[in-house]
């Protein structure tokens, strides 16, 4: 008799975003800037993936990876390989922008459109979690926390409205 490997539940990006955001706020209060910035980025990444899946036509592959079936993005695996898989920040912001602009059949609305004007994570890198903290300005962390909060709020507003649009 062979044991069946346990299956993990599908990702819940919306809940994960809130969890990471709350942890980032706690880390900020404790003056753990490296952790706060890292968690703010993870919160934003999860919120973006929740928005893409819940409202902009992205789907989960059987392996739990989010992708958009109509879009092609550069793959992290090979430079010449393109697929619709959603990666990580900061490139994920550009994917969100591309998908949102392509979805002209839904009204993104003022709140969501304002989020897309500028990528607040253009300077964010997951490898910053290894830094000594001297290059992480409070302004960067605050900007990343605010952007994560705004993404979570936009997702929640669209969920409550039940329209799949942001107003």
N, C-alpha and C. Protein backbone atom coordinates (compact mmCIF):
# COMPACT_ATOMS: atom_id res chain seq x y z
N UNK A 1 0.84 -1.17 0.00
CA UNK A 1 0.00 0.00 0.00
C UNK A 1 0.90 1.25 0.00
N UNK A 2 0.69 2.12 -0.97
CA UNK A 2 1.48 3.34 -1.03
C UNK A 2 0.67 4.50 -0.45
N UNK A 3 1.37 5.33 0.24
CA UNK A 3 0.72 6.49 0.84
C UNK A 3 0.47 7.54 -0.23
N UNK A 4 -0.66 8.14 -0.15
CA UNK A 4 -0.98 9.23 -1.06
C UNK A 4 -0.43 10.52 -0.47
N UNK A 5 0.35 11.26 -1.27
CA UNK A 5 0.89 12.51 -0.71
C UNK A 5 -0.26 13.48 -0.40
N UNK A 6 -0.10 14.22 0.68
CA UNK A 6 -1.16 15.17 1.03
C UNK A 6 -1.27 16.26 -0.04
N UNK A 7 -2.48 16.67 -0.32
CA UNK A 7 -2.67 17.76 -1.25
C UNK A 7 -2.88 19.04 -0.45
N UNK A 8 -2.28 20.08 -0.93
CA UNK A 8 -2.44 21.34 -0.23
C UNK A 8 -3.61 22.09 -0.85
N UNK A 9 -4.29 22.88 -0.05
CA UNK A 9 -5.42 23.65 -0.58
C UNK A 9 -4.90 24.70 -1.57
N UNK A 10 -5.76 25.16 -2.45
CA UNK A 10 -5.31 26.20 -3.38
C UNK A 10 -4.96 27.47 -2.62
N UNK A 11 -4.09 28.28 -3.19
CA UNK A 11 -3.71 29.52 -2.50
C UNK A 11 -4.91 30.43 -2.28
N UNK A 12 -4.92 31.09 -1.15
CA UNK A 12 -5.92 32.11 -0.86
C UNK A 12 -5.18 33.44 -0.79
N UNK A 13 -4.97 34.03 -1.96
CA UNK A 13 -4.16 35.23 -2.04
C UNK A 13 -4.75 36.40 -1.26
N UNK A 14 -6.07 36.51 -1.22
CA UNK A 14 -6.70 37.62 -0.51
C UNK A 14 -6.40 37.53 0.99
N UNK A 15 -6.59 36.38 1.57
CA UNK A 15 -6.31 36.23 3.02
C UNK A 15 -4.82 36.36 3.31
N UNK A 16 -4.00 35.79 2.43
CA UNK A 16 -2.55 35.89 2.63
C UNK A 16 -2.10 37.35 2.59
N UNK A 17 -2.72 38.15 1.71
CA UNK A 17 -2.32 39.56 1.62
C UNK A 17 -2.60 40.28 2.94
N UNK A 18 -3.75 40.02 3.52
CA UNK A 18 -4.09 40.66 4.79
C UNK A 18 -3.15 40.20 5.90
N UNK A 19 -2.87 38.91 5.93
CA UNK A 19 -1.96 38.37 6.94
C UNK A 19 -0.58 39.02 6.84
N UNK A 20 -0.02 39.08 5.63
CA UNK A 20 1.31 39.67 5.45
C UNK A 20 1.29 41.17 5.77
N UNK A 21 0.20 41.84 5.41
CA UNK A 21 0.10 43.27 5.70
C UNK A 21 0.09 43.51 7.21
N UNK A 22 -0.73 42.76 7.93
CA UNK A 22 -0.79 42.93 9.39
C UNK A 22 0.56 42.64 10.03
N UNK A 23 1.23 41.63 9.53
CA UNK A 23 2.57 41.32 10.04
C UNK A 23 3.55 42.44 9.74
N UNK A 24 3.42 43.05 8.55
CA UNK A 24 4.29 44.18 8.19
C UNK A 24 4.05 45.37 9.12
N UNK A 25 2.81 45.62 9.45
CA UNK A 25 2.49 46.72 10.37
C UNK A 25 3.10 46.45 11.74
N UNK A 26 2.98 45.22 12.21
CA UNK A 26 3.59 44.87 13.50
C UNK A 26 5.11 45.03 13.46
N UNK A 27 5.71 44.61 12.35
CA UNK A 27 7.17 44.75 12.21
C UNK A 27 7.58 46.22 12.18
N UNK A 28 6.77 47.05 11.54
CA UNK A 28 7.06 48.48 11.51
C UNK A 28 7.02 49.06 12.91
N UNK A 29 6.01 48.68 13.68
CA UNK A 29 5.90 49.16 15.05
C UNK A 29 7.08 48.75 15.91
N UNK A 30 7.66 47.62 15.61
CA UNK A 30 8.82 47.14 16.36
C UNK A 30 10.13 47.66 15.76
N UNK A 31 10.01 48.48 14.72
CA UNK A 31 11.17 49.05 14.01
C UNK A 31 12.02 47.99 13.34
N UNK A 32 11.39 46.97 12.83
CA UNK A 32 12.06 45.94 12.05
C UNK A 32 11.84 46.26 10.57
N UNK A 33 12.58 47.25 10.09
CA UNK A 33 12.36 47.78 8.76
C UNK A 33 12.52 46.72 7.66
N UNK A 34 13.51 45.87 7.78
CA UNK A 34 13.75 44.86 6.75
C UNK A 34 12.53 43.93 6.65
N UNK A 35 12.08 43.45 7.78
CA UNK A 35 10.91 42.56 7.79
C UNK A 35 9.66 43.28 7.33
N UNK A 36 9.48 44.50 7.78
CA UNK A 36 8.30 45.28 7.40
C UNK A 36 8.24 45.48 5.89
N UNK A 37 9.36 45.85 5.29
CA UNK A 37 9.38 46.08 3.85
C UNK A 37 9.17 44.78 3.07
N UNK A 38 9.80 43.73 3.52
CA UNK A 38 9.64 42.42 2.88
C UNK A 38 8.18 41.98 2.93
N UNK A 39 7.58 42.07 4.09
CA UNK A 39 6.18 41.64 4.25
C UNK A 39 5.22 42.55 3.50
N UNK A 40 5.52 43.84 3.41
CA UNK A 40 4.68 44.75 2.62
C UNK A 40 4.69 44.32 1.16
N UNK A 41 5.84 43.94 0.64
CA UNK A 41 5.93 43.46 -0.73
C UNK A 41 5.16 42.17 -0.93
N UNK A 42 5.26 41.26 0.01
CA UNK A 42 4.51 40.00 -0.09
C UNK A 42 3.01 40.26 -0.02
N UNK A 43 2.61 41.19 0.84
CA UNK A 43 1.19 41.54 0.95
C UNK A 43 0.68 42.10 -0.37
N UNK A 44 1.44 43.00 -0.97
CA UNK A 44 1.04 43.59 -2.25
C UNK A 44 0.99 42.53 -3.34
N UNK A 45 1.98 41.66 -3.37
CA UNK A 45 2.01 40.60 -4.38
C UNK A 45 0.78 39.70 -4.27
N UNK A 46 0.44 39.32 -3.07
CA UNK A 46 -0.75 38.48 -2.88
C UNK A 46 -2.02 39.23 -3.25
N UNK A 47 -2.10 40.51 -2.89
CA UNK A 47 -3.29 41.31 -3.23
C UNK A 47 -3.44 41.44 -4.75
N UNK A 48 -2.33 41.68 -5.44
CA UNK A 48 -2.38 41.78 -6.91
C UNK A 48 -2.88 40.47 -7.51
N UNK A 49 -2.35 39.36 -7.03
CA UNK A 49 -2.79 38.06 -7.57
C UNK A 49 -4.26 37.81 -7.26
N UNK A 50 -4.72 38.25 -6.08
CA UNK A 50 -6.15 38.12 -5.76
C UNK A 50 -7.00 38.96 -6.71
N UNK A 51 -6.56 40.17 -7.01
CA UNK A 51 -7.28 41.04 -7.95
C UNK A 51 -7.30 40.41 -9.33
N UNK A 52 -6.16 39.94 -9.78
CA UNK A 52 -6.07 39.34 -11.11
C UNK A 52 -7.00 38.13 -11.25
N UNK A 53 -7.05 37.30 -10.22
CA UNK A 53 -7.87 36.09 -10.27
C UNK A 53 -9.35 36.42 -10.06
N UNK A 54 -9.64 37.26 -9.09
CA UNK A 54 -11.04 37.53 -8.75
C UNK A 54 -11.76 38.40 -9.77
N UNK A 55 -11.04 39.32 -10.40
CA UNK A 55 -11.72 40.34 -11.20
C UNK A 55 -11.20 40.54 -12.61
N UNK A 56 -10.02 40.02 -12.94
CA UNK A 56 -9.44 40.36 -14.23
C UNK A 56 -9.16 39.15 -15.13
N UNK A 57 -9.77 38.02 -14.82
CA UNK A 57 -9.72 36.88 -15.73
C UNK A 57 -8.54 35.94 -15.60
N UNK A 58 -7.68 36.14 -14.61
CA UNK A 58 -6.58 35.20 -14.40
C UNK A 58 -7.12 33.95 -13.72
N UNK A 59 -6.37 32.88 -13.82
CA UNK A 59 -6.79 31.58 -13.29
C UNK A 59 -5.63 30.92 -12.56
N UNK A 60 -5.96 29.92 -11.77
CA UNK A 60 -4.92 29.10 -11.14
C UNK A 60 -4.67 27.88 -12.00
N UNK A 61 -3.41 27.61 -12.29
CA UNK A 61 -3.05 26.36 -12.97
C UNK A 61 -3.21 25.23 -11.95
N UNK A 62 -3.28 23.99 -12.41
CA UNK A 62 -3.40 22.87 -11.46
C UNK A 62 -2.30 22.85 -10.39
N UNK A 63 -1.12 23.40 -10.73
CA UNK A 63 -0.03 23.43 -9.75
C UNK A 63 -0.13 24.60 -8.78
N UNK A 64 -1.24 25.37 -8.85
CA UNK A 64 -1.46 26.48 -7.94
C UNK A 64 -0.85 27.79 -8.38
N UNK A 65 -0.22 27.82 -9.54
CA UNK A 65 0.39 29.05 -10.04
C UNK A 65 -0.64 29.87 -10.80
N UNK A 66 -0.73 31.16 -10.50
CA UNK A 66 -1.68 32.01 -11.22
C UNK A 66 -1.15 32.39 -12.60
N UNK A 67 -2.05 32.45 -13.55
CA UNK A 67 -1.68 32.85 -14.91
C UNK A 67 -2.89 33.48 -15.59
N UNK A 68 -2.63 34.19 -16.66
CA UNK A 68 -3.71 34.76 -17.45
C UNK A 68 -3.70 34.05 -18.80
N UNK A 69 -4.80 33.39 -19.16
CA UNK A 69 -4.80 32.56 -20.37
C UNK A 69 -4.66 33.34 -21.67
N UNK A 70 -4.92 34.64 -21.65
CA UNK A 70 -4.87 35.42 -22.88
C UNK A 70 -3.61 36.27 -23.00
N UNK A 71 -2.77 36.27 -21.99
CA UNK A 71 -1.61 37.15 -21.97
C UNK A 71 -0.32 36.34 -21.99
N UNK A 72 0.72 36.95 -22.48
CA UNK A 72 2.05 36.35 -22.47
C UNK A 72 2.99 37.29 -21.74
N UNK A 73 3.71 36.75 -20.77
CA UNK A 73 4.69 37.52 -20.01
C UNK A 73 6.02 36.80 -20.10
N UNK A 74 7.13 37.52 -19.97
CA UNK A 74 8.42 36.84 -19.95
C UNK A 74 8.46 35.86 -18.78
N UNK A 75 8.91 34.67 -19.05
CA UNK A 75 9.03 33.66 -18.01
C UNK A 75 10.34 33.83 -17.27
N UNK A 76 10.33 33.52 -15.98
CA UNK A 76 11.56 33.57 -15.19
C UNK A 76 12.48 32.40 -15.53
N UNK A 77 11.94 31.39 -16.18
CA UNK A 77 12.73 30.19 -16.45
C UNK A 77 13.71 30.39 -17.60
N UNK A 78 13.26 30.96 -18.69
CA UNK A 78 14.11 31.18 -19.87
C UNK A 78 13.76 32.52 -20.49
N UNK A 79 14.77 33.24 -20.91
CA UNK A 79 14.54 34.57 -21.46
C UNK A 79 13.64 34.55 -22.68
N UNK A 80 13.75 33.53 -23.53
CA UNK A 80 12.95 33.50 -24.75
C UNK A 80 11.60 32.81 -24.57
N UNK A 81 11.38 32.23 -23.41
CA UNK A 81 10.13 31.51 -23.14
C UNK A 81 9.12 32.50 -22.56
N UNK A 82 7.95 32.61 -23.19
CA UNK A 82 6.89 33.50 -22.73
C UNK A 82 5.69 32.66 -22.33
N UNK A 83 5.09 33.00 -21.24
CA UNK A 83 3.86 32.33 -20.84
C UNK A 83 2.98 33.33 -20.10
N UNK A 84 1.82 32.92 -19.72
CA UNK A 84 0.88 33.82 -19.06
C UNK A 84 0.97 33.78 -17.55
N UNK A 85 2.04 33.20 -17.03
CA UNK A 85 2.16 33.03 -15.58
C UNK A 85 2.49 34.35 -14.89
N UNK A 86 1.82 34.59 -13.77
CA UNK A 86 2.09 35.78 -12.98
C UNK A 86 3.26 35.50 -12.06
N UNK A 87 4.25 36.35 -12.15
CA UNK A 87 5.46 36.17 -11.36
C UNK A 87 5.42 36.96 -10.06
N UNK A 88 6.46 37.70 -9.86
CA UNK A 88 6.66 38.38 -8.59
C UNK A 88 6.91 39.87 -8.83
N UNK A 89 6.78 40.63 -7.76
CA UNK A 89 7.12 42.05 -7.84
C UNK A 89 8.61 42.20 -8.09
N UNK A 90 8.99 43.25 -8.78
CA UNK A 90 8.19 44.36 -9.26
C UNK A 90 7.52 44.11 -10.62
N UNK A 91 7.92 43.06 -11.34
CA UNK A 91 7.34 42.80 -12.67
C UNK A 91 5.85 42.50 -12.59
N UNK A 92 5.38 41.94 -11.50
CA UNK A 92 3.96 41.62 -11.35
C UNK A 92 3.09 42.86 -11.49
N UNK A 93 3.59 44.02 -11.06
CA UNK A 93 2.84 45.27 -11.21
C UNK A 93 2.59 45.56 -12.68
N UNK A 94 3.61 45.34 -13.51
CA UNK A 94 3.46 45.58 -14.95
C UNK A 94 2.47 44.59 -15.55
N UNK A 95 2.45 43.37 -15.04
CA UNK A 95 1.48 42.38 -15.51
C UNK A 95 0.07 42.83 -15.15
N UNK A 96 -0.11 43.31 -13.92
CA UNK A 96 -1.42 43.82 -13.50
C UNK A 96 -1.86 44.96 -14.42
N UNK A 97 -0.97 45.87 -14.71
CA UNK A 97 -1.28 47.00 -15.58
C UNK A 97 -1.69 46.51 -16.97
N UNK A 98 -0.92 45.57 -17.52
CA UNK A 98 -1.21 45.05 -18.86
C UNK A 98 -2.57 44.36 -18.91
N UNK A 99 -2.86 43.53 -17.91
CA UNK A 99 -4.13 42.81 -17.89
C UNK A 99 -5.29 43.78 -17.69
N UNK A 100 -5.14 44.72 -16.78
CA UNK A 100 -6.21 45.68 -16.50
C UNK A 100 -6.52 46.54 -17.73
N UNK A 101 -5.49 46.98 -18.43
CA UNK A 101 -5.72 47.79 -19.63
C UNK A 101 -6.34 46.96 -20.75
N UNK A 102 -6.04 45.69 -20.78
CA UNK A 102 -6.62 44.83 -21.81
C UNK A 102 -8.10 44.55 -21.55
N UNK A 103 -8.48 44.61 -20.28
CA UNK A 103 -9.87 44.31 -19.90
C UNK A 103 -10.73 45.55 -20.03
N UNK A 104 -10.83 46.06 -21.22
CA UNK A 104 -11.63 47.26 -21.42
C UNK A 104 -13.13 46.98 -21.37
N UNK A 105 -13.50 45.71 -21.19
CA UNK A 105 -14.93 45.39 -21.05
C UNK A 105 -15.42 45.60 -19.62
N UNK A 106 -14.49 45.89 -18.69
CA UNK A 106 -14.88 46.20 -17.32
C UNK A 106 -14.34 47.58 -16.96
N UNK A 107 -15.10 48.32 -16.22
CA UNK A 107 -14.68 49.67 -15.82
C UNK A 107 -13.80 49.57 -14.59
N UNK A 108 -12.54 49.89 -14.75
CA UNK A 108 -11.61 49.80 -13.62
C UNK A 108 -11.94 50.84 -12.56
N UNK A 109 -12.46 51.96 -12.96
CA UNK A 109 -12.88 52.98 -12.01
C UNK A 109 -11.73 53.79 -11.46
N UNK A 110 -12.08 54.82 -10.75
CA UNK A 110 -11.11 55.80 -10.27
C UNK A 110 -10.08 55.20 -9.31
N UNK A 111 -10.52 54.46 -8.32
CA UNK A 111 -9.61 53.93 -7.31
C UNK A 111 -8.55 53.02 -7.94
N UNK A 112 -9.00 52.08 -8.74
CA UNK A 112 -8.06 51.13 -9.32
C UNK A 112 -7.14 51.82 -10.32
N UNK A 113 -7.68 52.71 -11.12
CA UNK A 113 -6.86 53.43 -12.10
C UNK A 113 -5.77 54.23 -11.41
N UNK A 114 -6.09 54.84 -10.28
CA UNK A 114 -5.08 55.61 -9.55
C UNK A 114 -3.96 54.71 -9.05
N UNK A 115 -4.27 53.48 -8.73
CA UNK A 115 -3.24 52.55 -8.26
C UNK A 115 -2.24 52.22 -9.35
N UNK A 116 -2.67 52.29 -10.59
CA UNK A 116 -1.82 51.86 -11.69
C UNK A 116 -0.91 52.95 -12.26
N UNK A 117 -1.09 54.19 -11.87
CA UNK A 117 -0.31 55.27 -12.48
C UNK A 117 1.18 55.07 -12.33
N UNK A 118 1.60 54.64 -11.18
CA UNK A 118 3.03 54.49 -10.92
C UNK A 118 3.26 53.22 -10.10
N UNK A 119 4.31 52.50 -10.42
CA UNK A 119 4.62 51.28 -9.72
C UNK A 119 5.38 51.62 -8.44
N UNK A 120 4.73 51.54 -7.28
CA UNK A 120 5.41 51.87 -6.03
C UNK A 120 6.43 50.81 -5.63
N UNK A 121 6.45 49.71 -6.35
CA UNK A 121 7.40 48.63 -6.03
C UNK A 121 8.51 48.52 -7.07
N UNK A 122 8.69 49.54 -7.89
CA UNK A 122 9.74 49.51 -8.90
C UNK A 122 11.11 49.33 -8.26
N UNK A 123 11.27 49.83 -7.04
CA UNK A 123 12.56 49.73 -6.34
C UNK A 123 12.59 48.57 -5.33
N UNK A 124 11.52 47.79 -5.28
CA UNK A 124 11.43 46.71 -4.29
C UNK A 124 12.03 45.44 -4.87
N UNK A 125 12.76 44.72 -4.07
CA UNK A 125 13.33 43.45 -4.50
C UNK A 125 13.26 42.47 -3.33
N UNK A 126 12.81 41.28 -3.62
CA UNK A 126 12.67 40.28 -2.56
C UNK A 126 14.01 40.00 -1.89
N UNK A 127 15.10 40.19 -2.60
CA UNK A 127 16.41 39.93 -2.01
C UNK A 127 16.81 40.99 -0.98
N UNK A 128 16.04 42.09 -0.88
CA UNK A 128 16.33 43.09 0.15
C UNK A 128 16.18 42.51 1.56
N UNK A 129 15.54 41.38 1.67
CA UNK A 129 15.40 40.76 2.99
C UNK A 129 16.76 40.35 3.55
N UNK A 130 17.78 40.33 2.68
CA UNK A 130 19.13 39.98 3.11
C UNK A 130 19.99 41.20 3.44
N UNK A 131 19.45 42.39 3.25
CA UNK A 131 20.26 43.59 3.44
C UNK A 131 20.48 43.87 4.93
N UNK A 132 21.37 44.82 5.19
CA UNK A 132 21.65 45.17 6.58
C UNK A 132 20.71 46.25 7.11
N UNK A 133 19.82 46.76 6.27
CA UNK A 133 18.84 47.73 6.70
C UNK A 133 19.27 49.18 6.54
N UNK A 134 20.53 49.42 6.27
CA UNK A 134 21.00 50.80 6.17
C UNK A 134 20.50 51.50 4.91
N UNK A 135 20.12 50.76 3.90
CA UNK A 135 19.65 51.37 2.65
C UNK A 135 18.13 51.45 2.58
N UNK A 136 17.44 50.91 3.57
CA UNK A 136 15.99 50.96 3.58
C UNK A 136 15.50 52.21 4.30
N UNK A 137 15.15 53.20 3.54
CA UNK A 137 14.64 54.43 4.13
C UNK A 137 13.21 54.21 4.60
N UNK A 138 12.85 54.89 5.67
CA UNK A 138 11.50 54.80 6.20
C UNK A 138 10.47 55.17 5.14
N UNK A 139 10.80 56.12 4.28
CA UNK A 139 9.89 56.54 3.22
C UNK A 139 9.58 55.39 2.26
N UNK A 140 10.59 54.56 1.96
CA UNK A 140 10.37 53.40 1.08
C UNK A 140 9.41 52.42 1.73
N UNK A 141 9.66 52.12 2.99
CA UNK A 141 8.81 51.17 3.71
C UNK A 141 7.39 51.71 3.80
N UNK A 142 7.27 52.99 4.14
CA UNK A 142 5.93 53.59 4.24
C UNK A 142 5.20 53.55 2.90
N UNK A 143 5.90 53.83 1.80
CA UNK A 143 5.29 53.79 0.47
C UNK A 143 4.82 52.38 0.13
N UNK A 144 5.63 51.40 0.46
CA UNK A 144 5.27 50.01 0.18
C UNK A 144 4.09 49.56 1.04
N UNK A 145 4.06 49.98 2.30
CA UNK A 145 2.93 49.65 3.17
C UNK A 145 1.64 50.29 2.66
N UNK A 146 1.72 51.55 2.26
CA UNK A 146 0.53 52.23 1.76
C UNK A 146 0.03 51.57 0.48
N UNK A 147 0.93 51.21 -0.41
CA UNK A 147 0.53 50.57 -1.66
C UNK A 147 -0.12 49.21 -1.38
N UNK A 148 0.45 48.44 -0.46
CA UNK A 148 -0.15 47.15 -0.10
C UNK A 148 -1.54 47.36 0.49
N UNK A 149 -1.68 48.34 1.36
CA UNK A 149 -2.99 48.65 1.95
C UNK A 149 -3.99 49.02 0.87
N UNK A 150 -3.58 49.87 -0.07
CA UNK A 150 -4.48 50.32 -1.13
C UNK A 150 -4.93 49.16 -2.02
N UNK A 151 -4.02 48.25 -2.31
CA UNK A 151 -4.38 47.08 -3.12
C UNK A 151 -5.38 46.19 -2.39
N UNK A 152 -5.14 45.96 -1.11
CA UNK A 152 -6.05 45.14 -0.32
C UNK A 152 -7.42 45.81 -0.25
N UNK A 153 -7.43 47.11 -0.03
CA UNK A 153 -8.69 47.85 0.04
C UNK A 153 -9.44 47.81 -1.29
N UNK A 154 -8.72 47.93 -2.40
CA UNK A 154 -9.37 47.87 -3.72
C UNK A 154 -9.99 46.50 -3.96
N UNK A 155 -9.28 45.45 -3.58
CA UNK A 155 -9.82 44.10 -3.73
C UNK A 155 -11.07 43.94 -2.87
N UNK A 156 -11.01 44.40 -1.65
CA UNK A 156 -12.14 44.26 -0.74
C UNK A 156 -13.35 45.07 -1.23
N UNK A 157 -13.10 46.26 -1.72
CA UNK A 157 -14.19 47.08 -2.23
C UNK A 157 -14.88 46.38 -3.41
N UNK A 158 -14.11 45.85 -4.32
CA UNK A 158 -14.69 45.16 -5.47
C UNK A 158 -15.44 43.90 -5.02
N UNK A 159 -14.90 43.22 -4.01
CA UNK A 159 -15.58 42.02 -3.50
C UNK A 159 -16.92 42.39 -2.88
N UNK A 160 -16.94 43.44 -2.10
CA UNK A 160 -18.18 43.87 -1.44
C UNK A 160 -19.21 44.31 -2.47
N UNK A 161 -18.77 45.06 -3.47
CA UNK A 161 -19.69 45.54 -4.50
C UNK A 161 -20.19 44.38 -5.36
N UNK A 162 -19.38 43.35 -5.45
CA UNK A 162 -19.79 42.17 -6.21
C UNK A 162 -19.92 42.40 -7.69
N UNK A 163 -19.35 43.46 -8.17
CA UNK A 163 -19.50 43.77 -9.59
C UNK A 163 -18.28 43.39 -10.41
N UNK A 164 -17.18 43.12 -9.74
CA UNK A 164 -15.96 42.85 -10.49
C UNK A 164 -15.37 44.11 -11.08
N UNK A 165 -15.88 45.25 -10.67
CA UNK A 165 -15.30 46.51 -11.12
C UNK A 165 -14.95 47.35 -9.90
N UNK A 166 -14.05 48.25 -10.09
CA UNK A 166 -13.63 49.14 -9.02
C UNK A 166 -14.25 50.50 -9.27
N UNK A 167 -14.93 51.03 -8.27
CA UNK A 167 -15.53 52.37 -8.42
C UNK A 167 -15.13 53.24 -7.27
